[in-house]
């Protein structure tokens, strides 16, 4: 480890803990910020050779070789296994994963895979100074949204630079708390696609979702100055409870085609679970396609 005036305090003296599923680039940025350094300066101080363009989270992440991860672990005083469990692990490029040297590579992340802004209260709890924004990956088995039930903050799009106050939409917190049994990946994919289509075409739950969006916008004035429409950046969050409900219903479908009477019974039951008086999808509705797929 290099020593000298570049370290405001002894290396490793500030205990900056990663959040669960935090992007590695996010954690490095927060860790470096605790020492008033950039991520590049921190890596240089750890004698880790970095390549690529360090654009930072959420647009880019960084992959560490095993030796680089070991040096980061030694500096932070966090056991390697604990650090590996906390940070989001994505398969590194072959040149990184098999390297014996302490190297790192910045890699761009596709928008659909980018991490989301973490709850500011949770971040502050794990920082020894004024918290730097953190970026974490949502739970894979749930709709693409982060919901902190403790502090009632949420996010669903990387273009939202800060999480949203969701106290005006308690149904979001309730849905996250009761999601103890994640749906299967197939049902979640179908449900997300179906509710997105309903949302975009103002079908079935439009009035409820519009009211939810209006409440979120009123509680979060900064949404108006964002780079994209709140109707788009908040879509996955707004449809979150209904997507989970639909996914759970799809998981209960039998592995054979339903008769017409069974389809009617399913739609009646689903309407009740969605708190709708009735559910009558049009012929082109994707829900019919799912009911006919086996």
Protein backbone atom coordinates (compact mmCIF):
# COMPACT_ATOMS: atom_id res chain seq x y z
CA UNK A 1 0.00 0.00 0.00
CA UNK A 2 1.28 3.43 -0.88
CA UNK A 3 1.56 5.92 1.91
CA UNK A 4 1.90 9.66 1.89
CA UNK A 5 -0.10 12.83 1.88
CA UNK A 6 -2.75 11.46 -0.51
CA UNK A 7 -4.48 9.73 2.46
CA UNK A 8 -6.29 12.23 4.74
CA UNK A 9 -6.50 9.45 7.39
CA UNK A 10 -4.76 6.09 7.75
CA UNK A 11 -5.87 3.62 5.02
CA UNK A 12 -8.84 1.55 6.05
CA UNK A 13 -9.67 3.73 9.05
CA UNK A 14 -13.07 4.76 7.69
CA UNK A 15 -15.47 1.83 7.66
CA UNK A 16 -17.63 2.30 4.57
CA UNK A 17 -19.82 -0.77 4.24
CA UNK A 18 -21.45 -1.78 0.95
CA UNK A 19 -25.20 -2.08 0.64
CA UNK A 20 -26.67 -5.46 -0.38
CA UNK A 21 -26.42 -5.91 -4.17
CA UNK A 22 -24.56 -2.61 -4.57
CA UNK A 23 -22.79 -2.06 -7.88
CA UNK A 24 -19.02 -2.32 -7.48
CA UNK A 25 -18.53 1.05 -9.16
CA UNK A 26 -20.98 2.61 -6.71
CA UNK A 27 -19.16 1.20 -3.69
CA UNK A 28 -15.74 2.27 -5.00
CA UNK A 29 -17.06 5.78 -5.62
CA UNK A 30 -18.47 6.05 -2.10
CA UNK A 31 -15.35 4.54 -0.56
CA UNK A 32 -13.09 6.94 -2.45
CA UNK A 33 -15.32 9.87 -1.51
CA UNK A 34 -14.81 9.09 2.18
CA UNK A 35 -11.11 9.91 1.63
CA UNK A 36 -11.83 12.86 -0.68
CA UNK A 37 -10.45 10.89 -3.62
CA UNK A 38 -11.76 9.85 -7.01
CA UNK A 39 -12.29 6.18 -7.75
CA UNK A 40 -9.26 6.30 -10.09
CA UNK A 41 -7.08 7.70 -7.31
CA UNK A 42 -8.26 5.04 -4.89
CA UNK A 43 -7.46 2.27 -7.34
CA UNK A 44 -4.04 3.76 -7.97
CA UNK A 45 -3.40 3.92 -4.24
CA UNK A 46 -4.25 0.24 -3.99
CA UNK A 47 -1.90 -0.44 -6.92
CA UNK A 48 -4.74 -1.75 -9.05
CA UNK A 49 -4.30 -1.11 -12.76
CA UNK A 50 -7.59 0.13 -14.24
CA UNK A 51 -8.55 0.27 -17.92
CA UNK A 52 -11.61 1.56 -19.73
CA UNK A 53 -13.49 4.83 -19.33
CA UNK A 54 -14.49 5.47 -15.68
CA UNK A 55 -17.86 7.09 -16.34
CA UNK A 56 -19.13 5.77 -13.02
CA UNK A 57 -22.50 4.39 -11.94
CA UNK A 58 -25.09 3.76 -13.17
CA UNK A 59 -23.87 3.93 -16.80
CA UNK A 60 -20.74 1.86 -16.11
CA UNK A 61 -19.53 -0.72 -13.63
CA UNK A 62 -16.08 -2.03 -12.85
CA UNK A 63 -14.85 -5.63 -12.84
CA UNK A 64 -12.09 -6.62 -10.44
CA UNK A 65 -9.65 -9.50 -10.75
CA UNK A 66 -9.33 -11.79 -7.75
CA UNK A 67 -6.13 -10.05 -6.68
CA UNK A 68 -7.75 -6.62 -7.01
CA UNK A 69 -10.71 -7.83 -4.92
CA UNK A 70 -8.28 -9.16 -2.31
CA UNK A 71 -6.56 -5.77 -2.05
CA UNK A 72 -9.89 -3.99 -1.76
CA UNK A 73 -10.89 -6.40 1.00
CA UNK A 74 -7.65 -5.76 2.88
CA UNK A 75 -8.08 -2.02 2.62
CA UNK A 76 -11.70 -1.97 3.77
CA UNK A 77 -11.11 -4.62 6.45
CA UNK A 78 -14.14 -6.51 5.15
CA UNK A 79 -13.58 -10.27 4.71
CA UNK A 80 -13.46 -11.27 1.01
CA UNK A 81 -16.49 -13.54 1.31
CA UNK A 82 -18.58 -10.79 2.92
CA UNK A 83 -17.51 -8.27 0.30
CA UNK A 84 -18.29 -10.67 -2.54
CA UNK A 85 -21.76 -11.40 -1.13
CA UNK A 86 -22.61 -7.71 -0.78
CA UNK A 87 -21.45 -6.46 -4.17
CA UNK A 88 -23.41 -7.32 -7.27
CA UNK A 89 -21.45 -10.05 -9.06
CA UNK A 90 -21.66 -10.17 -12.82
CA UNK A 91 -19.44 -12.42 -14.92
CA UNK A 92 -16.26 -10.44 -15.66
CA UNK A 93 -14.54 -10.49 -19.04
CA UNK A 94 -12.28 -13.52 -19.43
CA UNK A 95 -9.16 -11.36 -19.37
CA UNK A 96 -10.18 -10.04 -15.94
CA UNK A 97 -11.57 -13.18 -14.35
CA UNK A 98 -8.46 -15.27 -15.05
CA UNK A 99 -5.85 -12.58 -14.43
CA UNK A 100 -3.42 -13.02 -11.55
CA UNK A 101 -2.48 -9.36 -11.44
CA UNK A 102 -4.43 -6.66 -9.62
CA UNK A 103 -6.38 -5.24 -12.53
CA UNK A 104 -9.80 -3.71 -13.06
CA UNK A 105 -11.81 -2.76 -16.12
CA UNK A 106 -14.62 -0.24 -16.49
CA UNK A 107 -17.45 -1.61 -18.63
CA UNK A 108 -20.59 0.18 -19.92
CA UNK A 109 -23.90 -1.16 -18.66
CA UNK A 110 -26.98 -1.36 -20.86
CA UNK A 111 -29.84 0.91 -19.65
CA UNK A 112 -32.13 -2.05 -18.91
CA UNK A 113 -29.48 -3.57 -16.63
CA UNK A 114 -28.30 -0.42 -14.87
CA UNK A 115 -28.58 -0.24 -11.06
CA UNK A 116 -31.09 2.03 -9.36
CA UNK A 117 -30.58 4.78 -6.75
CA UNK A 118 -30.63 3.36 -3.25
CA UNK A 119 -32.56 4.64 -0.25
CA UNK A 120 -30.68 7.69 1.03
CA UNK A 121 -31.35 6.80 4.68
CA UNK A 122 -29.89 3.31 4.22
CA UNK A 123 -26.85 4.79 2.45
CA UNK A 124 -26.26 7.36 5.18
CA UNK A 125 -26.38 4.60 7.79
CA UNK A 126 -23.41 2.92 6.11
CA UNK A 127 -21.29 6.03 5.52
CA UNK A 128 -19.01 7.75 8.04
CA UNK A 129 -19.60 11.18 6.51
CA UNK A 130 -22.14 12.93 4.31
CA UNK A 131 -23.56 10.12 2.21
CA UNK A 132 -22.66 9.85 -1.47
CA UNK A 133 -25.52 8.43 -3.60
CA UNK A 134 -25.39 4.65 -3.90
CA UNK A 135 -26.60 2.47 -6.76
CA UNK A 136 -27.84 -1.07 -6.22
CA UNK A 137 -29.42 -3.78 -8.35
CA UNK A 138 -33.04 -4.76 -7.67
CA UNK A 139 -33.99 -8.26 -6.53
CA UNK A 140 -34.01 -10.44 -9.67
CA UNK A 141 -37.19 -12.34 -8.73
CA UNK A 142 -39.34 -9.21 -8.35
CA UNK A 143 -40.44 -6.40 -10.71
CA UNK A 144 -37.63 -3.98 -11.56
CA UNK A 145 -38.02 -1.56 -8.67
CA UNK A 146 -36.33 -0.84 -5.34
CA UNK A 147 -38.65 -0.31 -2.40
CA UNK A 148 -37.33 0.42 1.08
CA UNK A 149 -40.19 -0.48 3.40
CA UNK A 150 -38.34 0.93 6.41
CA UNK A 151 -37.82 4.47 5.11
CA UNK A 152 -40.56 4.45 2.42
CA UNK A 153 -38.31 5.37 -0.46
CA UNK A 154 -38.32 3.75 -3.89
CA UNK A 155 -36.87 3.94 -7.38
CA UNK A 156 -37.52 2.17 -10.65
CA UNK A 157 -35.41 3.87 -13.31
CA UNK A 158 -31.71 4.89 -13.41
CA UNK A 159 -32.75 8.26 -14.85
CA UNK A 160 -34.17 9.02 -11.42
CA UNK A 161 -31.02 10.30 -9.78
CA UNK A 162 -32.57 10.16 -6.30
CA UNK A 163 -35.15 7.77 -4.82
CA UNK A 164 -38.77 8.81 -4.47
CA UNK A 165 -40.79 9.49 -1.34
CA UNK A 166 -43.62 6.91 -1.50
CA UNK A 167 -45.44 7.72 1.73
CA UNK A 168 -48.37 8.92 -0.38
CA UNK A 169 -48.66 5.45 -1.97
CA UNK A 170 -48.64 3.00 0.97
CA UNK A 171 -49.81 0.18 -1.29
CA UNK A 172 -46.29 0.03 -2.74
CA UNK A 173 -44.77 -0.62 0.67
CA UNK A 174 -47.49 -3.15 1.48
CA UNK A 175 -46.88 -5.04 -1.78
CA UNK A 176 -43.15 -5.26 -1.09
CA UNK A 177 -43.66 -6.43 2.49
CA UNK A 178 -46.06 -9.19 1.48
CA UNK A 179 -43.94 -10.45 -1.46
CA UNK A 180 -42.56 -13.35 0.58
CA UNK A 181 -42.87 -15.93 -2.19
CA UNK A 182 -41.34 -14.55 -5.40
CA UNK A 183 -43.14 -15.55 -8.62
CA UNK A 184 -41.46 -17.75 -11.18
CA UNK A 185 -39.34 -15.97 -13.78
CA UNK A 186 -41.72 -16.95 -16.59
CA UNK A 187 -44.84 -15.64 -14.82
CA UNK A 188 -43.08 -12.45 -13.78
CA UNK A 189 -41.96 -11.83 -17.36
CA UNK A 190 -45.49 -12.33 -18.66
CA UNK A 191 -47.03 -10.21 -15.91
CA UNK A 192 -44.57 -7.34 -16.45
CA UNK A 193 -45.21 -7.37 -20.19
CA UNK A 194 -48.99 -7.46 -19.72
CA UNK A 195 -49.19 -4.66 -17.14
CA UNK A 196 -46.80 -2.54 -19.20
CA UNK A 197 -49.12 -2.93 -22.18
CA UNK A 198 -52.13 -2.05 -20.02
CA UNK A 199 -50.31 0.99 -18.67
CA UNK A 200 -49.18 2.26 -22.07
CA UNK A 201 -52.63 1.78 -23.62
CA UNK A 202 -54.62 3.12 -20.63
CA UNK A 203 -56.46 -0.15 -20.04
CA UNK A 204 -58.24 -1.69 -17.04
CA UNK A 205 -56.30 0.02 -14.21
CA UNK A 206 -55.62 3.37 -15.86
CA UNK A 207 -57.51 5.49 -13.33
CA UNK A 208 -55.81 3.85 -10.35
CA UNK A 209 -52.37 4.17 -11.91
CA UNK A 210 -53.00 7.77 -12.92
CA UNK A 211 -53.95 8.61 -9.34
CA UNK A 212 -50.83 6.86 -8.05
CA UNK A 213 -48.64 8.80 -10.49
CA UNK A 214 -50.26 12.08 -9.50
CA UNK A 215 -49.55 11.40 -5.82
CA UNK A 216 -45.92 10.51 -6.51
CA UNK A 217 -45.41 13.66 -8.57
CA UNK A 218 -46.94 15.80 -5.83
CA UNK A 219 -44.66 14.24 -3.20
CA UNK A 220 -41.56 14.46 -5.40
CA UNK A 221 -41.37 17.86 -7.13
CA UNK A 222 -37.92 17.03 -8.52
CA UNK A 223 -39.55 14.58 -10.94
CA UNK A 224 -40.63 17.50 -13.10
CA UNK A 225 -37.01 18.44 -13.83
CA UNK A 226 -35.89 14.92 -14.75
CA UNK A 227 -34.55 13.93 -18.17
CA UNK A 228 -37.68 11.90 -19.03
CA UNK A 229 -41.39 11.96 -18.32
CA UNK A 230 -42.36 10.68 -14.84
CA UNK A 231 -45.08 8.66 -16.58
CA UNK A 232 -42.26 6.64 -18.15
CA UNK A 233 -39.60 6.57 -15.42
CA UNK A 234 -42.15 5.64 -12.73
CA UNK A 235 -44.02 3.03 -14.77
CA UNK A 236 -42.52 -0.10 -13.19
CA UNK A 237 -43.04 1.36 -9.73
CA UNK A 238 -46.61 2.43 -10.39
CA UNK A 239 -47.60 -0.99 -11.70
CA UNK A 240 -45.58 -2.89 -9.05
CA UNK A 241 -48.47 -4.18 -6.85
CA UNK A 242 -50.62 -5.27 -9.77
CA UNK A 243 -47.68 -6.92 -11.56
CA UNK A 244 -47.01 -9.05 -8.48
CA UNK A 245 -50.70 -9.93 -8.17
CA UNK A 246 -50.93 -10.94 -11.83
CA UNK A 247 -47.70 -12.97 -11.65
CA UNK A 248 -49.00 -14.89 -8.64
CA UNK A 249 -52.25 -15.63 -10.48
CA UNK A 250 -50.38 -16.85 -13.57
CA UNK A 251 -48.28 -19.15 -11.39
CA UNK A 252 -51.49 -20.93 -10.34
CA UNK A 253 -52.52 -21.78 -13.91
CA UNK A 254 -52.58 -25.52 -14.65
CA UNK A 255 -50.15 -26.96 -17.23
CA UNK A 256 -52.93 -27.51 -19.79
CA UNK A 257 -55.22 -25.24 -21.83
CA UNK A 258 -58.22 -23.82 -19.98
CA UNK A 259 -61.73 -24.38 -21.19
CA UNK A 260 -63.86 -21.33 -21.89
CA UNK A 261 -65.61 -21.76 -18.53
CA UNK A 262 -62.25 -22.02 -16.74
CA UNK A 263 -61.01 -18.87 -18.49
CA UNK A 264 -64.10 -17.03 -17.30
CA UNK A 265 -63.53 -18.26 -13.75
CA UNK A 266 -59.87 -17.22 -13.89
CA UNK A 267 -60.72 -13.71 -15.09
CA UNK A 268 -63.40 -13.35 -12.42
CA UNK A 269 -60.94 -14.41 -9.70
CA UNK A 270 -58.20 -12.15 -11.09
CA UNK A 271 -60.58 -9.17 -11.16
CA UNK A 272 -61.27 -9.72 -7.48
CA UNK A 273 -57.56 -9.91 -6.66
CA UNK A 274 -56.96 -6.70 -8.62
CA UNK A 275 -59.95 -5.07 -6.90
CA UNK A 276 -61.79 -4.52 -10.18
CA UNK A 277 -65.57 -4.96 -10.62
CA UNK A 278 -64.90 -6.99 -13.76
CA UNK A 279 -62.06 -7.79 -16.16
CA UNK A 280 -62.94 -8.15 -19.85
CA UNK A 281 -59.75 -8.11 -21.95
CA UNK A 282 -60.04 -7.33 -25.66
CA UNK A 283 -59.28 -10.09 -28.14
CA UNK A 284 -55.78 -8.74 -28.78
CA UNK A 285 -54.92 -8.47 -25.06
CA UNK A 286 -51.69 -10.30 -24.16
CA UNK A 287 -53.47 -11.94 -21.24
CA UNK A 288 -55.45 -14.07 -23.67
CA UNK A 289 -52.19 -15.10 -25.34
CA UNK A 290 -50.83 -16.21 -21.98
CA UNK A 291 -53.94 -18.22 -21.20
CA UNK A 292 -53.57 -20.03 -24.51
CA UNK A 293 -49.81 -20.68 -24.11
CA UNK A 294 -48.71 -24.03 -22.71
